Amino acid sequence: MYLVCQPDGQPYTAGGFRAAFGEHMRECFAKKAIEQRFTFQDLRAKSGSDSRDGRLLGHFDKRTLQRVYRRKPEHVDPVR
């Protein structure tokens, strides 16, 4: 079973996937659905940034999650 496949169930080639992803990205920009470009690999990093631990990504050491995937700024309360 493939996670990302064509409508007929066949796997994409690398070039075919890049073309389909690029076309979808252009459509999203045209519809103003997104404001900033991102890559398919950025989706994994976002899920890592959103998760509390790394188990969703298969990492059981939180240090790996912090070092590799945390891309969102950390919100802290200012010192008074």
C-alpha atoms as a PDB file:
ATOM      1  CA  MET A   1       0.000   0.000   0.000  1.00  0.00           C
ATOM      2  CA  TYR A   2       1.271   3.476  -0.876  1.00  0.00           C
ATOM      3  CA  LEU A   3       0.535   6.539   1.226  1.00  0.00           C
ATOM      4  CA  VAL A   4       0.654   8.907  -1.744  1.00  0.00           C
ATOM      5  CA  CYS A   5      -0.551   7.470  -5.014  1.00  0.00           C
ATOM      6  CA  GLN A   6      -2.168   8.415  -8.285  1.00  0.00           C
ATOM      7  CA  PRO A   7      -5.967   8.179  -8.696  1.00  0.00           C
ATOM      8  CA  ASP A   8      -5.561   4.713 -10.255  1.00  0.00           C
ATOM      9  CA  GLY A   9      -3.694   3.477  -7.155  1.00  0.00           C
ATOM     10  CA  GLN A  10      -0.268   3.334  -8.808  1.00  0.00           C
ATOM     11  CA  PRO A  11       2.709   4.963  -7.089  1.00  0.00           C
ATOM     12  CA  TYR A  12       4.045   8.241  -8.402  1.00  0.00           C
ATOM     13  CA  THR A  13       7.496   8.446  -9.891  1.00  0.00           C
ATOM     14  CA  ALA A  14       9.707  11.026  -8.163  1.00  0.00           C
ATOM     15  CA  GLY A  15       9.329  13.428 -11.093  1.00  0.00           C
ATOM     16  CA  GLY A  16       5.592  12.825 -11.322  1.00  0.00           C
ATOM     17  CA  PHE A  17       5.126  13.576  -7.643  1.00  0.00           C
ATOM     18  CA  ARG A  18       7.201  16.775  -7.872  1.00  0.00           C
ATOM     19  CA  ALA A  19       5.111  17.902 -10.851  1.00  0.00           C
ATOM     20  CA  ALA A  20       1.801  17.140  -9.119  1.00  0.00           C
ATOM     21  CA  PHE A  21       2.907  18.822  -5.886  1.00  0.00           C
ATOM     22  CA  GLY A  22       4.143  21.886  -7.809  1.00  0.00           C
ATOM     23  CA  GLU A  23       0.868  22.172  -9.712  1.00  0.00           C
ATOM     24  CA  HIS A  24      -1.128  21.919  -6.501  1.00  0.00           C
ATOM     25  CA  MET A  25       1.105  24.582  -4.924  1.00  0.00           C
ATOM     26  CA  ARG A  26       0.465  26.932  -7.878  1.00  0.00           C
ATOM     27  CA  GLU A  27      -3.296  26.364  -7.590  1.00  0.00           C
ATOM     28  CA  CYS A  28      -3.197  27.162  -3.872  1.00  0.00           C
ATOM     29  CA  PHE A  29      -1.288  30.389  -4.538  1.00  0.00           C
ATOM     30  CA  ALA A  30      -3.772  31.388  -7.252  1.00  0.00           C
ATOM     31  CA  LYS A  31      -6.676  30.840  -4.839  1.00  0.00           C
ATOM     32  CA  LYS A  32      -4.804  32.710  -2.058  1.00  0.00           C
ATOM     33  CA  ALA A  33      -5.151  29.604   0.110  1.00  0.00           C
ATOM     34  CA  ILE A  34      -1.495  29.852   1.169  1.00  0.00           C
ATOM     35  CA  GLU A  35       0.864  32.792   1.484  1.00  0.00           C
ATOM     36  CA  GLN A  36       4.255  31.084   1.658  1.00  0.00           C
ATOM     37  CA  ARG A  37       5.820  28.244  -0.333  1.00  0.00           C
ATOM     38  CA  PHE A  38       6.766  25.045   1.433  1.00  0.00           C
ATOM     39  CA  THR A  39       8.081  21.653   0.426  1.00  0.00           C
ATOM     40  CA  PHE A  40       6.634  18.225   1.004  1.00  0.00           C
ATOM     41  CA  GLN A  41       9.393  17.607   3.584  1.00  0.00           C
ATOM     42  CA  ASP A  42       8.208  20.683   5.510  1.00  0.00           C
ATOM     43  CA  LEU A  43       4.975  18.816   6.292  1.00  0.00           C
ATOM     44  CA  ARG A  44       6.914  16.301   8.415  1.00  0.00           C
ATOM     45  CA  ALA A  45       8.744  19.098  10.214  1.00  0.00           C
ATOM     46  CA  LYS A  46       5.429  20.849  10.925  1.00  0.00           C
ATOM     47  CA  SER A  47       3.940  17.705  12.403  1.00  0.00           C
ATOM     48  CA  GLY A  48       7.067  17.407  14.562  1.00  0.00           C
ATOM     49  CA  SER A  49       6.750  21.032  15.668  1.00  0.00           C
ATOM     50  CA  ASP A  50       3.096  20.526  16.533  1.00  0.00           C
ATOM     51  CA  SER A  51       3.591  17.309  18.499  1.00  0.00           C
ATOM     52  CA  ARG A  52       4.305  17.111  22.213  1.00  0.00           C
ATOM     53  CA  ASP A  53       6.625  14.138  21.769  1.00  0.00           C
ATOM     54  CA  GLY A  54       8.274  12.443  18.824  1.00  0.00           C
ATOM     55  CA  ARG A  55       6.321   9.200  18.826  1.00  0.00           C
ATOM     56  CA  LEU A  56       4.178  10.299  15.868  1.00  0.00           C
ATOM     57  CA  LEU A  57       7.373  10.558  13.818  1.00  0.00           C
ATOM     58  CA  GLY A  58       8.894   7.388  15.255  1.00  0.00           C
ATOM     59  CA  HIS A  59      11.322   9.143  17.603  1.00  0.00           C
ATOM     60  CA  PHE A  60      11.294   8.170  21.247  1.00  0.00           C
ATOM     61  CA  ASP A  61      14.067  10.515  22.335  1.00  0.00           C
ATOM     62  CA  LYS A  62      12.743  14.066  22.794  1.00  0.00           C
ATOM     63  CA  ARG A  63      16.209  15.449  22.063  1.00  0.00           C
ATOM     64  CA  THR A  64      15.883  14.289  18.448  1.00  0.00           C
ATOM     65  CA  LEU A  65      12.563  16.080  18.158  1.00  0.00           C
ATOM     66  CA  GLN A  66      14.051  19.283  19.591  1.00  0.00           C
ATOM     67  CA  ARG A  67      17.184  19.171  17.453  1.00  0.00           C
ATOM     68  CA  VAL A  68      15.664  18.207  14.115  1.00  0.00           C
ATOM     69  CA  TYR A  69      12.007  19.157  13.971  1.00  0.00           C
ATOM     70  CA  ARG A  70      11.248  22.106  16.239  1.00  0.00           C
ATOM     71  CA  ARG A  71      10.872  25.055  13.889  1.00  0.00           C
ATOM     72  CA  LYS A  72       8.177  27.112  15.563  1.00  0.00           C
ATOM     73  CA  PRO A  73       9.281  29.816  17.953  1.00  0.00           C
ATOM     74  CA  GLU A  74       8.686  28.964  21.576  1.00  0.00           C
ATOM     75  CA  HIS A  75       6.289  31.334  23.324  1.00  0.00           C
ATOM     76  CA  VAL A  76       7.343  32.386  26.792  1.00  0.00           C
ATOM     77  CA  ASP A  77       5.967  34.860  29.291  1.00  0.00           C
ATOM     78  CA  PRO A  78       8.175  37.890  29.836  1.00  0.00           C
ATOM     79  CA  VAL A  79       9.964  38.249  33.162  1.00  0.00           C
ATOM     80  CA  ARG A  80       8.439  40.952  35.381  1.00  0.00           C
END
